[in-house]
Amino acid sequence: MGIPGPVTPPAMPAPADPASISPGDSLFLPDAAATIAAGHALASSAQPGDVIALTGGLGAGKTHFSKGFTSGLGFPSDVTSPTFSLVHEYPGGRLPVFHFDFYRPATATEIIALGWDDYLDTQGICLVEWADRFPDLLPPHTSWWHLEPDANGRRLTRLAGPPQPSS
């Protein structure tokens, strides 16, 4: 009997590629690992200048999805929510990622003051959590995604555009 070889970590679950679903359709994500894997899968089709808008309430999985997305582009370090800094820059992958959080700003002017327009003009990816707070700042080619918890996990839904305000 030989010495056992190195232990291979379990692979992330492989949900359907989110890029393949139509607006209005959704994927069931049973846990955080599946949410990360969905972000990772979407990153494979990312192109320079893409804008990814994430919506959903607190704890819906936006940051987990963002972790997977940046990982899918080859960014090697930990990804955290930019809630207090408002933007984190992740260079070093296939494309740079500019990760925004629109939760705390009270006005669009605060976001523009961060250099928002300059970020949009780069050849990187703008990944925006809480994008529905300032939808008018996002360009028409934005890819909109909504995360919503349910009893057994969460749903990732591709949207045709920004969600409509509740009446």
N, C-alpha and C. Protein backbone atom coordinates (compact mmCIF):
# COMPACT_ATOMS: atom_id res chain seq x y z
N MET A 1 0.85 -1.18 0.00
CA MET A 1 0.00 0.00 0.00
C MET A 1 0.89 1.24 0.00
N GLY A 2 0.68 2.14 -0.97
CA GLY A 2 1.52 3.32 -1.13
C GLY A 2 1.04 4.48 -0.28
N ILE A 3 1.81 5.52 -0.33
CA ILE A 3 1.45 6.75 0.37
C ILE A 3 0.38 7.46 -0.44
N PRO A 4 -0.69 7.88 0.25
CA PRO A 4 -1.74 8.56 -0.51
C PRO A 4 -1.23 9.86 -1.12
N GLY A 5 -1.75 10.18 -2.29
CA GLY A 5 -1.38 11.40 -2.99
C GLY A 5 -2.05 12.61 -2.35
N PRO A 6 -1.79 13.78 -2.92
CA PRO A 6 -2.40 14.99 -2.37
C PRO A 6 -3.92 14.95 -2.50
N VAL A 7 -4.55 15.57 -1.54
CA VAL A 7 -6.01 15.62 -1.54
C VAL A 7 -6.44 16.78 -2.43
N THR A 8 -7.33 16.50 -3.36
CA THR A 8 -7.85 17.53 -4.26
C THR A 8 -9.10 18.12 -3.62
N PRO A 9 -9.16 19.46 -3.50
CA PRO A 9 -10.37 20.05 -2.92
C PRO A 9 -11.57 19.78 -3.81
N PRO A 10 -12.76 19.69 -3.21
CA PRO A 10 -13.95 19.45 -4.04
C PRO A 10 -14.17 20.59 -5.01
N ALA A 11 -14.64 20.27 -6.19
CA ALA A 11 -14.92 21.28 -7.22
C ALA A 11 -16.16 22.07 -6.82
N MET A 12 -16.19 23.33 -7.26
CA MET A 12 -17.39 24.13 -7.04
C MET A 12 -18.52 23.54 -7.86
N PRO A 13 -19.74 23.59 -7.33
CA PRO A 13 -20.86 23.11 -8.13
C PRO A 13 -20.94 23.91 -9.42
N ALA A 14 -21.37 23.26 -10.47
CA ALA A 14 -21.41 23.93 -11.77
C ALA A 14 -22.86 24.17 -12.19
N PRO A 15 -23.41 25.33 -11.80
CA PRO A 15 -24.76 25.63 -12.27
C PRO A 15 -24.73 25.93 -13.76
N ALA A 16 -25.91 26.00 -14.35
CA ALA A 16 -25.97 26.40 -15.75
C ALA A 16 -25.29 27.76 -15.89
N ASP A 17 -24.74 28.01 -17.05
CA ASP A 17 -24.07 29.29 -17.30
C ASP A 17 -25.12 30.39 -17.27
N PRO A 18 -24.99 31.34 -16.34
CA PRO A 18 -25.99 32.42 -16.28
C PRO A 18 -26.11 33.18 -17.60
N ALA A 19 -25.02 33.31 -18.35
CA ALA A 19 -25.07 34.05 -19.61
C ALA A 19 -26.01 33.40 -20.61
N SER A 20 -26.32 32.12 -20.41
CA SER A 20 -27.17 31.41 -21.37
C SER A 20 -28.66 31.56 -21.08
N ILE A 21 -29.02 32.20 -19.97
CA ILE A 21 -30.45 32.32 -19.68
C ILE A 21 -30.99 33.64 -20.21
N SER A 22 -32.25 33.63 -20.55
CA SER A 22 -32.93 34.81 -21.12
C SER A 22 -33.45 35.72 -20.02
N PRO A 23 -33.62 37.00 -20.33
CA PRO A 23 -34.24 37.89 -19.35
C PRO A 23 -35.57 37.33 -18.87
N GLY A 24 -35.75 37.38 -17.56
CA GLY A 24 -36.96 36.84 -16.94
C GLY A 24 -36.77 35.44 -16.42
N ASP A 25 -35.77 34.73 -16.91
CA ASP A 25 -35.49 33.37 -16.43
C ASP A 25 -34.55 33.43 -15.23
N SER A 26 -34.56 32.35 -14.44
CA SER A 26 -33.71 32.35 -13.27
C SER A 26 -33.07 30.99 -13.05
N LEU A 27 -32.03 31.02 -12.24
CA LEU A 27 -31.33 29.81 -11.81
C LEU A 27 -31.52 29.66 -10.31
N PHE A 28 -31.70 28.43 -9.85
CA PHE A 28 -31.74 28.17 -8.42
C PHE A 28 -30.32 27.91 -7.94
N LEU A 29 -29.92 28.60 -6.89
CA LEU A 29 -28.59 28.45 -6.31
C LEU A 29 -28.78 27.99 -4.86
N PRO A 30 -28.47 26.73 -4.55
CA PRO A 30 -28.79 26.19 -3.23
C PRO A 30 -27.97 26.74 -2.07
N ASP A 31 -26.79 27.32 -2.36
CA ASP A 31 -25.94 27.77 -1.26
C ASP A 31 -24.93 28.80 -1.76
N ALA A 32 -24.10 29.27 -0.83
CA ALA A 32 -23.11 30.29 -1.19
C ALA A 32 -22.14 29.78 -2.25
N ALA A 33 -21.74 28.51 -2.15
CA ALA A 33 -20.80 27.95 -3.14
C ALA A 33 -21.39 27.99 -4.54
N ALA A 34 -22.68 27.72 -4.68
CA ALA A 34 -23.33 27.76 -5.99
C ALA A 34 -23.45 29.21 -6.49
N THR A 35 -23.62 30.15 -5.57
CA THR A 35 -23.69 31.56 -5.94
C THR A 35 -22.33 32.04 -6.46
N ILE A 36 -21.28 31.63 -5.77
CA ILE A 36 -19.92 31.95 -6.20
C ILE A 36 -19.66 31.32 -7.57
N ALA A 37 -20.08 30.06 -7.73
CA ALA A 37 -19.87 29.35 -9.00
C ALA A 37 -20.62 30.04 -10.15
N ALA A 38 -21.81 30.56 -9.88
CA ALA A 38 -22.57 31.26 -10.92
C ALA A 38 -21.83 32.53 -11.35
N GLY A 39 -21.28 33.27 -10.40
CA GLY A 39 -20.49 34.45 -10.74
C GLY A 39 -19.27 34.07 -11.56
N HIS A 40 -18.62 32.99 -11.16
CA HIS A 40 -17.44 32.49 -11.87
C HIS A 40 -17.81 32.15 -13.32
N ALA A 41 -18.94 31.48 -13.50
CA ALA A 41 -19.38 31.08 -14.84
C ALA A 41 -19.69 32.30 -15.71
N LEU A 42 -20.34 33.31 -15.14
CA LEU A 42 -20.68 34.50 -15.92
C LEU A 42 -19.42 35.24 -16.37
N ALA A 43 -18.38 35.20 -15.54
CA ALA A 43 -17.13 35.89 -15.89
C ALA A 43 -16.50 35.34 -17.16
N SER A 44 -16.76 34.08 -17.49
CA SER A 44 -16.14 33.49 -18.68
C SER A 44 -16.55 34.19 -19.97
N SER A 45 -17.71 34.84 -19.96
CA SER A 45 -18.17 35.53 -21.17
C SER A 45 -17.97 37.05 -21.08
N ALA A 46 -17.31 37.53 -20.01
CA ALA A 46 -17.12 38.97 -19.83
C ALA A 46 -16.19 39.54 -20.90
N GLN A 47 -16.55 40.74 -21.34
CA GLN A 47 -15.78 41.46 -22.36
C GLN A 47 -15.38 42.83 -21.82
N PRO A 48 -14.30 43.41 -22.34
CA PRO A 48 -13.90 44.75 -21.91
C PRO A 48 -15.06 45.74 -22.05
N GLY A 49 -15.26 46.54 -21.02
CA GLY A 49 -16.32 47.54 -21.04
C GLY A 49 -17.67 47.06 -20.54
N ASP A 50 -17.79 45.78 -20.19
CA ASP A 50 -19.07 45.28 -19.67
C ASP A 50 -19.41 45.96 -18.34
N VAL A 51 -20.70 46.09 -18.09
CA VAL A 51 -21.20 46.58 -16.81
C VAL A 51 -22.19 45.54 -16.32
N ILE A 52 -21.94 45.03 -15.12
CA ILE A 52 -22.79 44.01 -14.50
C ILE A 52 -23.48 44.66 -13.31
N ALA A 53 -24.81 44.71 -13.33
CA ALA A 53 -25.60 45.32 -12.27
C ALA A 53 -26.24 44.23 -11.43
N LEU A 54 -26.01 44.29 -10.12
CA LEU A 54 -26.58 43.31 -9.19
C LEU A 54 -27.58 44.00 -8.27
N THR A 55 -28.75 43.39 -8.14
CA THR A 55 -29.77 43.91 -7.24
C THR A 55 -30.20 42.79 -6.29
N GLY A 56 -30.86 43.19 -5.22
CA GLY A 56 -31.33 42.24 -4.22
C GLY A 56 -31.11 42.82 -2.84
N GLY A 57 -31.85 42.35 -1.88
CA GLY A 57 -31.78 42.89 -0.53
C GLY A 57 -30.51 42.49 0.21
N LEU A 58 -30.41 42.94 1.45
CA LEU A 58 -29.28 42.57 2.30
C LEU A 58 -29.23 41.06 2.43
N GLY A 59 -28.05 40.49 2.28
CA GLY A 59 -27.88 39.05 2.43
C GLY A 59 -28.37 38.22 1.25
N ALA A 60 -28.67 38.86 0.14
CA ALA A 60 -29.19 38.12 -1.03
C ALA A 60 -28.11 37.33 -1.75
N GLY A 61 -26.84 37.71 -1.58
CA GLY A 61 -25.76 36.98 -2.24
C GLY A 61 -24.96 37.78 -3.25
N LYS A 62 -25.16 39.09 -3.27
CA LYS A 62 -24.47 39.93 -4.26
C LYS A 62 -22.94 39.85 -4.12
N THR A 63 -22.45 39.90 -2.89
CA THR A 63 -21.00 39.86 -2.69
C THR A 63 -20.45 38.47 -2.99
N HIS A 64 -21.18 37.40 -2.66
CA HIS A 64 -20.73 36.06 -3.03
C HIS A 64 -20.63 35.93 -4.55
N PHE A 65 -21.65 36.44 -5.25
CA PHE A 65 -21.62 36.42 -6.70
C PHE A 65 -20.40 37.19 -7.22
N SER A 66 -20.14 38.35 -6.61
CA SER A 66 -18.99 39.17 -7.00
C SER A 66 -17.67 38.45 -6.77
N LYS A 67 -17.58 37.70 -5.67
CA LYS A 67 -16.37 36.91 -5.40
C LYS A 67 -16.14 35.91 -6.52
N GLY A 68 -17.19 35.24 -6.93
CA GLY A 68 -17.06 34.27 -8.01
C GLY A 68 -16.71 34.93 -9.33
N PHE A 69 -17.31 36.08 -9.59
CA PHE A 69 -17.06 36.78 -10.84
C PHE A 69 -15.59 37.18 -10.94
N THR A 70 -15.05 37.80 -9.91
CA THR A 70 -13.65 38.22 -9.95
C THR A 70 -12.72 37.02 -10.01
N SER A 71 -13.08 35.96 -9.31
CA SER A 71 -12.28 34.73 -9.38
C SER A 71 -12.29 34.16 -10.80
N GLY A 72 -13.45 34.23 -11.45
CA GLY A 72 -13.58 33.73 -12.81
C GLY A 72 -12.74 34.51 -13.81
N LEU A 73 -12.39 35.74 -13.47
CA LEU A 73 -11.52 36.54 -14.32
C LEU A 73 -10.05 36.38 -13.93
N GLY A 74 -9.79 35.54 -12.93
CA GLY A 74 -8.42 35.25 -12.55
C GLY A 74 -7.83 36.15 -11.48
N PHE A 75 -8.67 36.92 -10.79
CA PHE A 75 -8.14 37.75 -9.71
C PHE A 75 -7.81 36.84 -8.54
N PRO A 76 -6.57 36.87 -8.05
CA PRO A 76 -6.12 35.87 -7.09
C PRO A 76 -6.42 36.13 -5.62
N SER A 77 -6.90 37.29 -5.24
CA SER A 77 -7.05 37.61 -3.82
C SER A 77 -8.50 37.62 -3.38
N ASP A 78 -8.67 37.83 -2.07
CA ASP A 78 -10.01 37.86 -1.48
C ASP A 78 -10.77 39.10 -1.95
N VAL A 79 -12.05 38.95 -2.13
CA VAL A 79 -12.92 40.03 -2.56
C VAL A 79 -13.89 40.34 -1.42
N THR A 80 -14.02 41.61 -1.09
CA THR A 80 -14.94 42.03 -0.04
C THR A 80 -15.88 43.09 -0.59
N SER A 81 -16.96 43.30 0.13
CA SER A 81 -17.93 44.31 -0.30
C SER A 81 -17.33 45.70 -0.12
N PRO A 82 -17.48 46.57 -1.12
CA PRO A 82 -16.97 47.93 -1.00
C PRO A 82 -17.97 48.89 -0.33
N THR A 83 -18.74 48.39 0.63
CA THR A 83 -19.79 49.20 1.26
C THR A 83 -19.27 50.53 1.78
N PHE A 84 -18.12 50.54 2.43
CA PHE A 84 -17.64 51.78 3.04
C PHE A 84 -16.70 52.56 2.14
N SER A 85 -15.94 51.88 1.31
CA SER A 85 -15.04 52.58 0.39
C SER A 85 -15.75 52.96 -0.91
N LEU A 86 -16.87 52.34 -1.18
CA LEU A 86 -17.73 52.54 -2.36
C LEU A 86 -17.20 51.90 -3.63
N VAL A 87 -15.88 51.73 -3.76
CA VAL A 87 -15.33 51.03 -4.92
C VAL A 87 -14.04 50.32 -4.51
N HIS A 88 -13.90 49.09 -4.99
CA HIS A 88 -12.64 48.34 -4.88
C HIS A 88 -12.17 48.05 -6.29
N GLU A 89 -10.88 48.17 -6.51
CA GLU A 89 -10.30 47.86 -7.81
C GLU A 89 -9.56 46.53 -7.72
N TYR A 90 -9.84 45.64 -8.68
CA TYR A 90 -9.20 44.33 -8.72
C TYR A 90 -8.47 44.17 -10.05
N PRO A 91 -7.20 44.57 -10.10
CA PRO A 91 -6.40 44.35 -11.31
C PRO A 91 -5.79 42.95 -11.26
N GLY A 92 -5.13 42.57 -12.30
CA GLY A 92 -4.35 41.33 -12.25
C GLY A 92 -5.03 40.11 -12.83
N GLY A 93 -6.28 40.21 -13.19
CA GLY A 93 -6.95 39.09 -13.84
C GLY A 93 -6.97 39.30 -15.35
N ARG A 94 -7.78 38.50 -16.04
CA ARG A 94 -7.93 38.64 -17.49
C ARG A 94 -8.37 40.04 -17.86
N LEU A 95 -9.23 40.63 -17.04
CA LEU A 95 -9.69 42.02 -17.19
C LEU A 95 -9.74 42.63 -15.79
N PRO A 96 -9.45 43.92 -15.66
CA PRO A 96 -9.61 44.53 -14.34
C PRO A 96 -11.09 44.65 -13.99
N VAL A 97 -11.38 44.54 -12.70
CA VAL A 97 -12.75 44.67 -12.21
C VAL A 97 -12.82 45.86 -11.26
N PHE A 98 -13.82 46.70 -11.46
CA PHE A 98 -14.08 47.84 -10.60
C PHE A 98 -15.41 47.55 -9.91
N HIS A 99 -15.31 47.19 -8.65
CA HIS A 99 -16.44 46.68 -7.87
C HIS A 99 -17.04 47.81 -7.04
N PHE A 100 -18.24 48.22 -7.39
CA PHE A 100 -18.92 49.33 -6.72
C PHE A 100 -20.02 48.82 -5.82
N ASP A 101 -20.33 49.62 -4.80
CA ASP A 101 -21.48 49.38 -3.95
C ASP A 101 -22.25 50.69 -3.85
N PHE A 102 -23.46 50.72 -4.39
CA PHE A 102 -24.28 51.93 -4.41
C PHE A 102 -25.21 52.02 -3.20
N TYR A 103 -25.01 51.19 -2.17
CA TYR A 103 -25.92 51.17 -1.03
C TYR A 103 -25.86 52.45 -0.20
N ARG A 104 -24.69 52.94 0.12
CA ARG A 104 -24.53 54.07 1.03
C ARG A 104 -24.66 55.46 0.41
N PRO A 105 -24.25 55.69 -0.83
CA PRO A 105 -24.36 57.06 -1.35
C PRO A 105 -25.81 57.55 -1.36
N ALA A 106 -25.98 58.82 -0.98
CA ALA A 106 -27.32 59.41 -0.94
C ALA A 106 -27.71 60.01 -2.29
N THR A 107 -26.70 60.37 -3.09
CA THR A 107 -26.99 61.02 -4.37
C THR A 107 -26.08 60.45 -5.46
N ALA A 108 -26.53 60.58 -6.69
CA ALA A 108 -25.71 60.16 -7.83
C ALA A 108 -24.43 60.99 -7.92
N THR A 109 -24.47 62.22 -7.44
CA THR A 109 -23.30 63.09 -7.47
C THR A 109 -22.13 62.46 -6.70
N GLU A 110 -22.42 61.77 -5.60
CA GLU A 110 -21.37 61.11 -4.83
C GLU A 110 -20.66 60.03 -5.65
N ILE A 111 -21.42 59.33 -6.45
CA ILE A 111 -20.85 58.26 -7.28
C ILE A 111 -20.05 58.86 -8.43
N ILE A 112 -20.58 59.87 -9.04
CA ILE A 112 -19.87 60.54 -10.14
C ILE A 112 -18.55 61.12 -9.64
N ALA A 113 -18.54 61.64 -8.40
CA ALA A 113 -17.32 62.21 -7.82
C ALA A 113 -16.22 61.17 -7.62
N LEU A 114 -16.58 59.89 -7.57
CA LEU A 114 -15.59 58.82 -7.46
C LEU A 114 -14.84 58.59 -8.77
N GLY A 115 -15.31 59.23 -9.84
CA GLY A 115 -14.74 59.01 -11.16
C GLY A 115 -15.53 57.98 -11.95
N TRP A 116 -16.81 57.85 -11.64
CA TRP A 116 -17.68 56.84 -12.28
C TRP A 116 -17.54 56.85 -13.80
N ASP A 117 -17.62 58.01 -14.41
CA ASP A 117 -17.54 58.09 -15.88
C ASP A 117 -16.18 57.58 -16.39
N ASP A 118 -15.12 57.86 -15.65
CA ASP A 118 -13.80 57.36 -16.04
C ASP A 118 -13.74 55.84 -15.98
N TYR A 119 -14.33 55.27 -14.93
CA TYR A 119 -14.36 53.81 -14.83
C TYR A 119 -15.12 53.20 -16.00
N LEU A 120 -16.23 53.82 -16.38
CA LEU A 120 -17.02 53.30 -17.51
C LEU A 120 -16.23 53.35 -18.81
N ASP A 121 -15.30 54.27 -18.92
CA ASP A 121 -14.51 54.42 -20.15
C ASP A 121 -13.30 53.49 -20.21
N THR A 122 -13.04 52.74 -19.16
CA THR A 122 -11.89 51.82 -19.17
C THR A 122 -12.22 50.57 -19.96
N GLN A 123 -11.24 49.76 -20.15
CA GLN A 123 -11.44 48.46 -20.81
C GLN A 123 -11.60 47.34 -19.77
N GLY A 124 -12.05 47.72 -18.58
CA GLY A 124 -12.31 46.74 -17.53
C GLY A 124 -13.79 46.46 -17.42
N ILE A 125 -14.17 45.86 -16.29
CA ILE A 125 -15.56 45.52 -15.99
C ILE A 125 -16.00 46.34 -14.79
N CYS A 126 -17.16 46.97 -14.88
CA CYS A 126 -17.77 47.62 -13.72
C CYS A 126 -18.82 46.65 -13.18
N LEU A 127 -18.62 46.22 -11.95
CA LEU A 127 -19.51 45.29 -11.25
C LEU A 127 -20.16 46.08 -10.12
N VAL A 128 -21.47 46.25 -10.16
CA VAL A 128 -22.15 47.19 -9.27
C VAL A 128 -23.20 46.49 -8.41
N GLU A 129 -22.95 46.47 -7.08
CA GLU A 129 -23.96 45.99 -6.14
C GLU A 129 -24.92 47.14 -5.82
N TRP A 130 -26.18 46.82 -5.58
CA TRP A 130 -27.21 47.81 -5.29
C TRP A 130 -27.37 48.78 -6.47
N ALA A 131 -27.21 48.29 -7.68
CA ALA A 131 -27.27 49.12 -8.88
C ALA A 131 -28.62 49.79 -9.06
N ASP A 132 -29.67 49.19 -8.52
CA ASP A 132 -31.01 49.74 -8.68
C ASP A 132 -31.22 51.04 -7.89
N ARG A 133 -30.28 51.41 -7.04
CA ARG A 133 -30.38 52.68 -6.31
C ARG A 133 -30.16 53.88 -7.24
N PHE A 134 -29.33 53.70 -8.28
CA PHE A 134 -29.04 54.77 -9.23
C PHE A 134 -28.99 54.21 -10.65
N PRO A 135 -30.10 53.65 -11.12
CA PRO A 135 -30.09 52.99 -12.43
C PRO A 135 -29.76 53.92 -13.60
N ASP A 136 -30.06 55.20 -13.45
CA ASP A 136 -29.80 56.15 -14.55
C ASP A 136 -28.31 56.36 -14.80
N LEU A 137 -27.46 55.97 -13.86
CA LEU A 137 -26.02 56.11 -14.06
C LEU A 137 -25.45 54.99 -14.94
N LEU A 138 -26.20 53.91 -15.10
CA LEU A 138 -25.68 52.76 -15.83
C LEU A 138 -26.01 52.86 -17.31
N PRO A 139 -25.06 52.46 -18.17
CA PRO A 139 -25.27 52.57 -19.62
C PRO A 139 -26.30 51.55 -20.13
N PRO A 140 -26.82 51.79 -21.32
CA PRO A 140 -27.84 50.88 -21.89
C PRO A 140 -27.38 49.43 -22.04
N HIS A 141 -26.09 49.19 -22.24
CA HIS A 141 -25.62 47.81 -22.45
C HIS A 141 -25.41 47.04 -21.14
N THR A 142 -25.82 47.61 -20.01
CA THR A 142 -25.65 46.95 -18.71
C THR A 142 -26.40 45.63 -18.67
N SER A 143 -25.77 44.63 -18.08
CA SER A 143 -26.38 43.31 -17.85
C SER A 143 -26.91 43.31 -16.41
N TRP A 144 -28.24 43.22 -16.28
CA TRP A 144 -28.90 43.31 -14.97
C TRP A 144 -29.23 41.94 -14.41
N TRP A 145 -28.93 41.74 -13.10
CA TRP A 145 -29.15 40.48 -12.40
C TRP A 145 -29.75 40.74 -11.03
N HIS A 146 -30.72 39.93 -10.64
CA HIS A 146 -31.37 40.07 -9.33
C HIS A 146 -31.17 38.78 -8.54
N LEU A 147 -30.73 38.93 -7.31
CA LEU A 147 -30.58 37.80 -6.39
C LEU A 147 -31.63 37.91 -5.30
N GLU A 148 -32.31 36.79 -5.04
CA GLU A 148 -33.36 36.80 -4.03
C GLU A 148 -33.35 35.50 -3.26
N PRO A 149 -33.23 35.59 -1.92
CA PRO A 149 -33.26 34.37 -1.11
C PRO A 149 -34.63 33.71 -1.19
N ASP A 150 -34.63 32.39 -1.10
CA ASP A 150 -35.89 31.67 -0.89
C ASP A 150 -35.64 30.62 0.18
N ALA A 151 -36.60 29.81 0.48
CA ALA A 151 -36.51 28.89 1.62
C ALA A 151 -35.34 27.91 1.50
N ASN A 152 -34.93 27.57 0.30
CA ASN A 152 -33.90 26.54 0.11
C ASN A 152 -32.60 27.05 -0.50
N GLY A 153 -32.43 28.34 -0.59
CA GLY A 153 -31.23 28.90 -1.22
C GLY A 153 -31.53 30.30 -1.72
N ARG A 154 -31.23 30.51 -2.99
CA ARG A 154 -31.55 31.81 -3.61
C ARG A 154 -31.78 31.61 -5.09
N ARG A 155 -32.40 32.61 -5.70
CA ARG A 155 -32.63 32.63 -7.14
C ARG A 155 -31.83 33.77 -7.75
N LEU A 156 -31.20 33.46 -8.87
CA LEU A 156 -30.50 34.46 -9.68
C LEU A 156 -31.34 34.63 -10.93
N THR A 157 -31.87 35.83 -11.12
CA THR A 157 -32.74 36.11 -12.26
C THR A 157 -32.09 37.15 -13.16
N ARG A 158 -32.08 36.85 -14.45
CA ARG A 158 -31.59 37.83 -15.42
C ARG A 158 -32.73 38.78 -15.73
N LEU A 159 -32.44 40.06 -15.64
CA LEU A 159 -33.46 41.09 -15.88
C LEU A 159 -33.26 41.72 -17.26
N ALA A 160 -34.34 42.21 -17.84
CA ALA A 160 -34.25 42.89 -19.15
C ALA A 160 -33.68 44.30 -18.99
N GLY A 161 -33.73 44.84 -17.80
CA GLY A 161 -33.25 46.19 -17.51
C GLY A 161 -33.38 46.42 -16.03
N PRO A 162 -33.26 47.66 -15.59
CA PRO A 162 -33.37 47.92 -14.16
C PRO A 162 -34.76 47.53 -13.64
N PRO A 163 -34.80 47.03 -12.40
CA PRO A 163 -36.12 46.69 -11.85
C PRO A 163 -36.98 47.95 -11.71
N GLN A 164 -38.26 47.78 -11.87
CA GLN A 164 -39.17 48.91 -11.73
C GLN A 164 -39.42 49.15 -10.24
N PRO A 165 -39.49 50.42 -9.83
CA PRO A 165 -39.74 50.72 -8.41
C PRO A 165 -41.08 50.14 -7.98
N SER A 166 -41.11 49.69 -6.72
CA SER A 166 -42.38 49.20 -6.16
C SER A 166 -43.31 50.37 -5.96
N SER A 167 -44.62 50.12 -6.18
CA SER A 167 -45.57 51.22 -5.97
C SER A 167 -46.08 51.23 -4.57
